[in-house]
């Protein structure tokens, strides 16, 4: 929670800037190996996005408009273990938007080594649905930020229709469906 209290006193950021937060792996973050639990990576990345939202003014604008934040997709890659009590750096950057969603790239690093990386698709919600990115940027006074996302993000986003649980009329996925050949 210290991170949330410190964020407002840190240097303000624009939507295209990188947020950097130093963290430590605590006992409550561990699995039984003892390393940072894979699910905990994503939880700590939530905090990195909140830090960025505070420092860009996004969070105060969301509160003013009675909007909310939502994560609509995530892909993560684990490369190296983060062991108990070790300090690490969490980097968060918005790499683009497609008019509806913001796409965040986040990474955990220690001693120059990347331990995990994630792509997160997130948006802002209102009572009527997803708030268009243009409206959000306008409210933040950052309308000069054009839409677009890197090719690697587009590939990730476009692959979603291939996932077995992405079909609107399918209510369950049977194990045999994972192994079907095209």
C-alpha atoms as a PDB file:
ATOM      1  CA  UNK A   1       0.000   0.000   0.000  1.00  0.00           C
ATOM      2  CA  UNK A   2       2.986   2.280   0.446  1.00  0.00           C
ATOM      3  CA  UNK A   3       3.237   2.386  -3.338  1.00  0.00           C
ATOM      4  CA  UNK A   4      -0.230   3.927  -3.582  1.00  0.00           C
ATOM      5  CA  UNK A   5       0.604   6.593  -1.018  1.00  0.00           C
ATOM      6  CA  UNK A   6       3.937   7.433  -2.660  1.00  0.00           C
ATOM      7  CA  UNK A   7       2.641   7.674  -6.256  1.00  0.00           C
ATOM      8  CA  UNK A   8       1.074  11.157  -5.953  1.00  0.00           C
ATOM      9  CA  UNK A   9       4.355  12.623  -4.671  1.00  0.00           C
ATOM     10  CA  UNK A  10       6.390  11.163  -7.548  1.00  0.00           C
ATOM     11  CA  UNK A  11       7.117  12.969 -10.808  1.00  0.00           C
ATOM     12  CA  UNK A  12       3.963  13.237 -12.978  1.00  0.00           C
ATOM     13  CA  UNK A  13       3.985  11.195 -16.185  1.00  0.00           C
ATOM     14  CA  UNK A  14       2.318  11.537 -19.571  1.00  0.00           C
ATOM     15  CA  UNK A  15       0.413   8.645 -21.156  1.00  0.00           C
ATOM     16  CA  UNK A  16       3.468   7.567 -23.179  1.00  0.00           C
ATOM     17  CA  UNK A  17       5.948   7.557 -20.269  1.00  0.00           C
ATOM     18  CA  UNK A  18       7.232   4.529 -18.397  1.00  0.00           C
ATOM     19  CA  UNK A  19       6.351   4.009 -14.748  1.00  0.00           C
ATOM     20  CA  UNK A  20       9.064   2.399 -12.637  1.00  0.00           C
ATOM     21  CA  UNK A  21       8.408   0.941  -9.198  1.00  0.00           C
ATOM     22  CA  UNK A  22      10.861  -0.855  -6.917  1.00  0.00           C
ATOM     23  CA  UNK A  23       9.377  -3.789  -5.018  1.00  0.00           C
ATOM     24  CA  UNK A  24      10.488  -6.695  -2.863  1.00  0.00           C
ATOM     25  CA  UNK A  25       9.333 -10.310  -2.771  1.00  0.00           C
ATOM     26  CA  UNK A  26       7.688 -10.777   0.636  1.00  0.00           C
ATOM     27  CA  UNK A  27       6.593 -14.041   2.319  1.00  0.00           C
ATOM     28  CA  UNK A  28       2.962 -13.401   1.323  1.00  0.00           C
ATOM     29  CA  UNK A  29       4.099 -13.363  -2.339  1.00  0.00           C
ATOM     30  CA  UNK A  30       5.705 -16.807  -2.271  1.00  0.00           C
ATOM     31  CA  UNK A  31       4.734 -20.208  -3.514  1.00  0.00           C
ATOM     32  CA  UNK A  32       6.280 -23.255  -1.837  1.00  0.00           C
ATOM     33  CA  UNK A  33       9.601 -23.115  -3.746  1.00  0.00           C
ATOM     34  CA  UNK A  34      10.061 -20.143  -2.255  1.00  0.00           C
ATOM     35  CA  UNK A  35       9.733 -17.778  -5.207  1.00  0.00           C
ATOM     36  CA  UNK A  36       7.298 -15.139  -6.376  1.00  0.00           C
ATOM     37  CA  UNK A  37       4.084 -17.012  -7.163  1.00  0.00           C
ATOM     38  CA  UNK A  38       3.077 -16.867 -10.834  1.00  0.00           C
ATOM     39  CA  UNK A  39      -0.333 -15.356 -10.021  1.00  0.00           C
ATOM     40  CA  UNK A  40       1.303 -12.825  -7.749  1.00  0.00           C
ATOM     41  CA  UNK A  41       3.271 -11.455 -10.732  1.00  0.00           C
ATOM     42  CA  UNK A  42      -0.046 -10.316 -12.234  1.00  0.00           C
ATOM     43  CA  UNK A  43      -1.282  -8.911  -8.918  1.00  0.00           C
ATOM     44  CA  UNK A  44       1.873  -6.827  -8.513  1.00  0.00           C
ATOM     45  CA  UNK A  45       1.536  -5.694 -12.132  1.00  0.00           C
ATOM     46  CA  UNK A  46      -1.909  -4.351 -11.168  1.00  0.00           C
ATOM     47  CA  UNK A  47      -0.093  -2.086  -8.724  1.00  0.00           C
ATOM     48  CA  UNK A  48       2.254  -0.917 -11.472  1.00  0.00           C
ATOM     49  CA  UNK A  49      -0.721   0.092 -13.622  1.00  0.00           C
ATOM     50  CA  UNK A  50      -2.329   1.862 -10.659  1.00  0.00           C
ATOM     51  CA  UNK A  51       0.928   3.768 -10.053  1.00  0.00           C
ATOM     52  CA  UNK A  52       0.939   4.817 -13.715  1.00  0.00           C
ATOM     53  CA  UNK A  53      -2.762   5.769 -13.562  1.00  0.00           C
ATOM     54  CA  UNK A  54      -2.162   7.977 -10.522  1.00  0.00           C
ATOM     55  CA  UNK A  55       0.927   9.665 -11.973  1.00  0.00           C
ATOM     56  CA  UNK A  56      -0.681  10.367 -15.378  1.00  0.00           C
ATOM     57  CA  UNK A  57      -3.832  11.795 -13.804  1.00  0.00           C
ATOM     58  CA  UNK A  58      -5.924   8.975 -15.230  1.00  0.00           C
ATOM     59  CA  UNK A  59      -7.124   7.733 -11.840  1.00  0.00           C
ATOM     60  CA  UNK A  60      -8.352  11.148 -10.659  1.00  0.00           C
ATOM     61  CA  UNK A  61     -10.140  11.662 -13.989  1.00  0.00           C
ATOM     62  CA  UNK A  62     -11.763   8.226 -13.643  1.00  0.00           C
ATOM     63  CA  UNK A  63     -12.966   9.070 -10.145  1.00  0.00           C
ATOM     64  CA  UNK A  64     -14.326  12.460 -11.271  1.00  0.00           C
ATOM     65  CA  UNK A  65     -16.369  10.788 -13.999  1.00  0.00           C
ATOM     66  CA  UNK A  66     -17.406   7.820 -11.838  1.00  0.00           C
ATOM     67  CA  UNK A  67     -15.758   5.441 -14.264  1.00  0.00           C
ATOM     68  CA  UNK A  68     -13.859   2.244 -13.503  1.00  0.00           C
ATOM     69  CA  UNK A  69     -10.855   0.272 -14.737  1.00  0.00           C
ATOM     70  CA  UNK A  70     -11.116  -3.188 -16.267  1.00  0.00           C
ATOM     71  CA  UNK A  71      -8.580  -5.722 -17.502  1.00  0.00           C
ATOM     72  CA  UNK A  72      -9.899  -7.488 -20.589  1.00  0.00           C
ATOM     73  CA  UNK A  73      -6.958  -9.742 -21.380  1.00  0.00           C
ATOM     74  CA  UNK A  74      -3.464 -10.688 -20.311  1.00  0.00           C
ATOM     75  CA  UNK A  75      -0.578 -12.690 -21.648  1.00  0.00           C
ATOM     76  CA  UNK A  76       2.483 -13.307 -19.517  1.00  0.00           C
ATOM     77  CA  UNK A  77       5.844 -14.982 -19.996  1.00  0.00           C
ATOM     78  CA  UNK A  78       7.957 -16.128 -17.050  1.00  0.00           C
ATOM     79  CA  UNK A  79      11.711 -16.295 -17.651  1.00  0.00           C
ATOM     80  CA  UNK A  80      13.545 -16.383 -14.313  1.00  0.00           C
ATOM     81  CA  UNK A  81      12.579 -16.876 -10.689  1.00  0.00           C
ATOM     82  CA  UNK A  82      12.278 -13.997  -8.238  1.00  0.00           C
ATOM     83  CA  UNK A  83      13.312 -15.431  -4.901  1.00  0.00           C
ATOM     84  CA  UNK A  84      12.194 -14.504  -1.376  1.00  0.00           C
ATOM     85  CA  UNK A  85      13.197 -11.054  -0.053  1.00  0.00           C
ATOM     86  CA  UNK A  86      14.872  -9.971  -3.311  1.00  0.00           C
ATOM     87  CA  UNK A  87      14.278  -6.451  -4.609  1.00  0.00           C
ATOM     88  CA  UNK A  88      13.149  -6.045  -8.203  1.00  0.00           C
ATOM     89  CA  UNK A  89      11.944  -3.343 -10.552  1.00  0.00           C
ATOM     90  CA  UNK A  90       8.497  -3.313 -12.143  1.00  0.00           C
ATOM     91  CA  UNK A  91       8.296  -1.339 -15.394  1.00  0.00           C
ATOM     92  CA  UNK A  92       4.946  -0.302 -16.868  1.00  0.00           C
ATOM     93  CA  UNK A  93       4.295   1.438 -20.163  1.00  0.00           C
ATOM     94  CA  UNK A  94       1.263   1.949 -22.372  1.00  0.00           C
ATOM     95  CA  UNK A  95       2.478   0.740 -25.766  1.00  0.00           C
ATOM     96  CA  UNK A  96      -0.603   1.854 -27.667  1.00  0.00           C
ATOM     97  CA  UNK A  97      -4.344   1.778 -28.048  1.00  0.00           C
ATOM     98  CA  UNK A  98      -6.842   0.695 -30.663  1.00  0.00           C
ATOM     99  CA  UNK A  99      -9.598   3.185 -29.905  1.00  0.00           C
ATOM    100  CA  UNK A 100     -11.300   0.901 -27.396  1.00  0.00           C
ATOM    101  CA  UNK A 101      -8.472  -0.630 -25.328  1.00  0.00           C
ATOM    102  CA  UNK A 102      -5.139   0.465 -23.936  1.00  0.00           C
ATOM    103  CA  UNK A 103      -2.302  -2.059 -24.225  1.00  0.00           C
ATOM    104  CA  UNK A 104       0.301  -2.143 -21.450  1.00  0.00           C
ATOM    105  CA  UNK A 105       3.706  -3.795 -21.551  1.00  0.00           C
ATOM    106  CA  UNK A 106       4.965  -4.668 -18.083  1.00  0.00           C
ATOM    107  CA  UNK A 107       8.143  -6.361 -16.958  1.00  0.00           C
ATOM    108  CA  UNK A 108       9.839  -7.387 -13.740  1.00  0.00           C
ATOM    109  CA  UNK A 109      13.615  -6.975 -13.707  1.00  0.00           C
ATOM    110  CA  UNK A 110      16.451  -7.602 -11.304  1.00  0.00           C
ATOM    111  CA  UNK A 111      20.150  -6.910 -11.895  1.00  0.00           C
ATOM    112  CA  UNK A 112      19.525  -6.257 -15.588  1.00  0.00           C
ATOM    113  CA  UNK A 113      17.707  -9.561 -16.110  1.00  0.00           C
ATOM    114  CA  UNK A 114      14.042  -9.684 -17.141  1.00  0.00           C
ATOM    115  CA  UNK A 115      12.168 -12.152 -14.935  1.00  0.00           C
ATOM    116  CA  UNK A 116       8.689 -11.807 -16.425  1.00  0.00           C
ATOM    117  CA  UNK A 117       6.925  -9.802 -19.107  1.00  0.00           C
ATOM    118  CA  UNK A 118       3.239  -9.268 -19.736  1.00  0.00           C
ATOM    119  CA  UNK A 119       0.938  -7.635 -22.235  1.00  0.00           C
ATOM    120  CA  UNK A 120      -2.272  -6.372 -20.671  1.00  0.00           C
ATOM    121  CA  UNK A 121      -5.377  -5.151 -22.506  1.00  0.00           C
ATOM    122  CA  UNK A 122      -7.294  -2.762 -20.271  1.00  0.00           C
ATOM    123  CA  UNK A 123     -10.013  -0.199 -20.577  1.00  0.00           C
ATOM    124  CA  UNK A 124     -12.139   2.297 -18.762  1.00  0.00           C
ATOM    125  CA  UNK A 125     -15.787   1.522 -18.063  1.00  0.00           C
ATOM    126  CA  UNK A 126     -18.825   3.680 -17.452  1.00  0.00           C
ATOM    127  CA  UNK A 127     -22.413   2.746 -16.657  1.00  0.00           C
ATOM    128  CA  UNK A 128     -23.042   2.475 -20.396  1.00  0.00           C
ATOM    129  CA  UNK A 129     -20.018   0.328 -21.298  1.00  0.00           C
ATOM    130  CA  UNK A 130     -16.426   0.820 -22.401  1.00  0.00           C
ATOM    131  CA  UNK A 131     -15.375   4.469 -22.670  1.00  0.00           C
ATOM    132  CA  UNK A 132     -13.659   5.191 -26.022  1.00  0.00           C
ATOM    133  CA  UNK A 133      -9.941   5.910 -25.657  1.00  0.00           C
ATOM    134  CA  UNK A 134     -10.382   9.238 -27.472  1.00  0.00           C
ATOM    135  CA  UNK A 135     -12.785  10.426 -24.731  1.00  0.00           C
ATOM    136  CA  UNK A 136     -10.326   9.378 -22.025  1.00  0.00           C
ATOM    137  CA  UNK A 137      -7.377  11.121 -23.664  1.00  0.00           C
ATOM    138  CA  UNK A 138      -9.499  14.235 -24.234  1.00  0.00           C
ATOM    139  CA  UNK A 139     -10.460  14.304 -20.541  1.00  0.00           C
ATOM    140  CA  UNK A 140      -6.738  13.971 -19.701  1.00  0.00           C
ATOM    141  CA  UNK A 141      -5.762  16.746 -22.137  1.00  0.00           C
ATOM    142  CA  UNK A 142      -3.624  14.330 -24.208  1.00  0.00           C
ATOM    143  CA  UNK A 143      -5.530  14.173 -27.510  1.00  0.00           C
ATOM    144  CA  UNK A 144      -2.329  14.296 -29.582  1.00  0.00           C
ATOM    145  CA  UNK A 145      -1.593  10.628 -28.874  1.00  0.00           C
ATOM    146  CA  UNK A 146      -2.585   8.752 -32.069  1.00  0.00           C
ATOM    147  CA  UNK A 147      -4.038   5.233 -32.066  1.00  0.00           C
ATOM    148  CA  UNK A 148      -1.901   2.300 -32.995  1.00  0.00           C
ATOM    149  CA  UNK A 149      -0.221  -0.688 -31.445  1.00  0.00           C
ATOM    150  CA  UNK A 150       3.006  -2.517 -32.289  1.00  0.00           C
ATOM    151  CA  UNK A 151       2.796  -5.547 -34.574  1.00  0.00           C
ATOM    152  CA  UNK A 152       3.629  -7.972 -31.760  1.00  0.00           C
ATOM    153  CA  UNK A 153       0.695  -6.619 -29.722  1.00  0.00           C
ATOM    154  CA  UNK A 154      -1.627  -6.768 -32.740  1.00  0.00           C
ATOM    155  CA  UNK A 155      -0.639 -10.417 -33.309  1.00  0.00           C
ATOM    156  CA  UNK A 156      -1.424 -11.239 -29.685  1.00  0.00           C
ATOM    157  CA  UNK A 157      -4.767  -9.424 -29.808  1.00  0.00           C
ATOM    158  CA  UNK A 158      -5.731 -10.963 -33.159  1.00  0.00           C
ATOM    159  CA  UNK A 159      -4.970 -14.504 -31.955  1.00  0.00           C
ATOM    160  CA  UNK A 160      -7.762 -14.398 -29.395  1.00  0.00           C
ATOM    161  CA  UNK A 161     -10.343 -15.771 -31.827  1.00  0.00           C
ATOM    162  CA  UNK A 162      -8.303 -19.005 -32.003  1.00  0.00           C
ATOM    163  CA  UNK A 163      -8.610 -19.722 -28.284  1.00  0.00           C
ATOM    164  CA  UNK A 164     -11.023 -22.576 -27.526  1.00  0.00           C
ATOM    165  CA  UNK A 165     -12.976 -20.544 -24.956  1.00  0.00           C
ATOM    166  CA  UNK A 166     -13.422 -17.526 -27.262  1.00  0.00           C
ATOM    167  CA  UNK A 167     -16.396 -18.904 -29.180  1.00  0.00           C
ATOM    168  CA  UNK A 168     -19.618 -17.150 -28.070  1.00  0.00           C
ATOM    169  CA  UNK A 169     -21.869 -20.235 -28.227  1.00  0.00           C
ATOM    170  CA  UNK A 170     -19.531 -22.635 -26.450  1.00  0.00           C
ATOM    171  CA  UNK A 171     -20.291 -22.945 -22.756  1.00  0.00           C
ATOM    172  CA  UNK A 172     -17.605 -25.497 -21.901  1.00  0.00           C
ATOM    173  CA  UNK A 173     -14.324 -26.633 -23.364  1.00  0.00           C
ATOM    174  CA  UNK A 174     -13.708 -30.363 -23.368  1.00  0.00           C
ATOM    175  CA  UNK A 175     -10.151 -31.615 -22.994  1.00  0.00           C
ATOM    176  CA  UNK A 176     -10.367 -33.305 -26.416  1.00  0.00           C
ATOM    177  CA  UNK A 177     -10.886 -29.870 -28.013  1.00  0.00           C
ATOM    178  CA  UNK A 178      -7.389 -28.782 -26.953  1.00  0.00           C
ATOM    179  CA  UNK A 179      -5.831 -31.493 -29.067  1.00  0.00           C
ATOM    180  CA  UNK A 180      -7.824 -31.197 -32.302  1.00  0.00           C
ATOM    181  CA  UNK A 181      -5.764 -30.824 -35.433  1.00  0.00           C
ATOM    182  CA  UNK A 182      -6.698 -28.261 -38.043  1.00  0.00           C
END
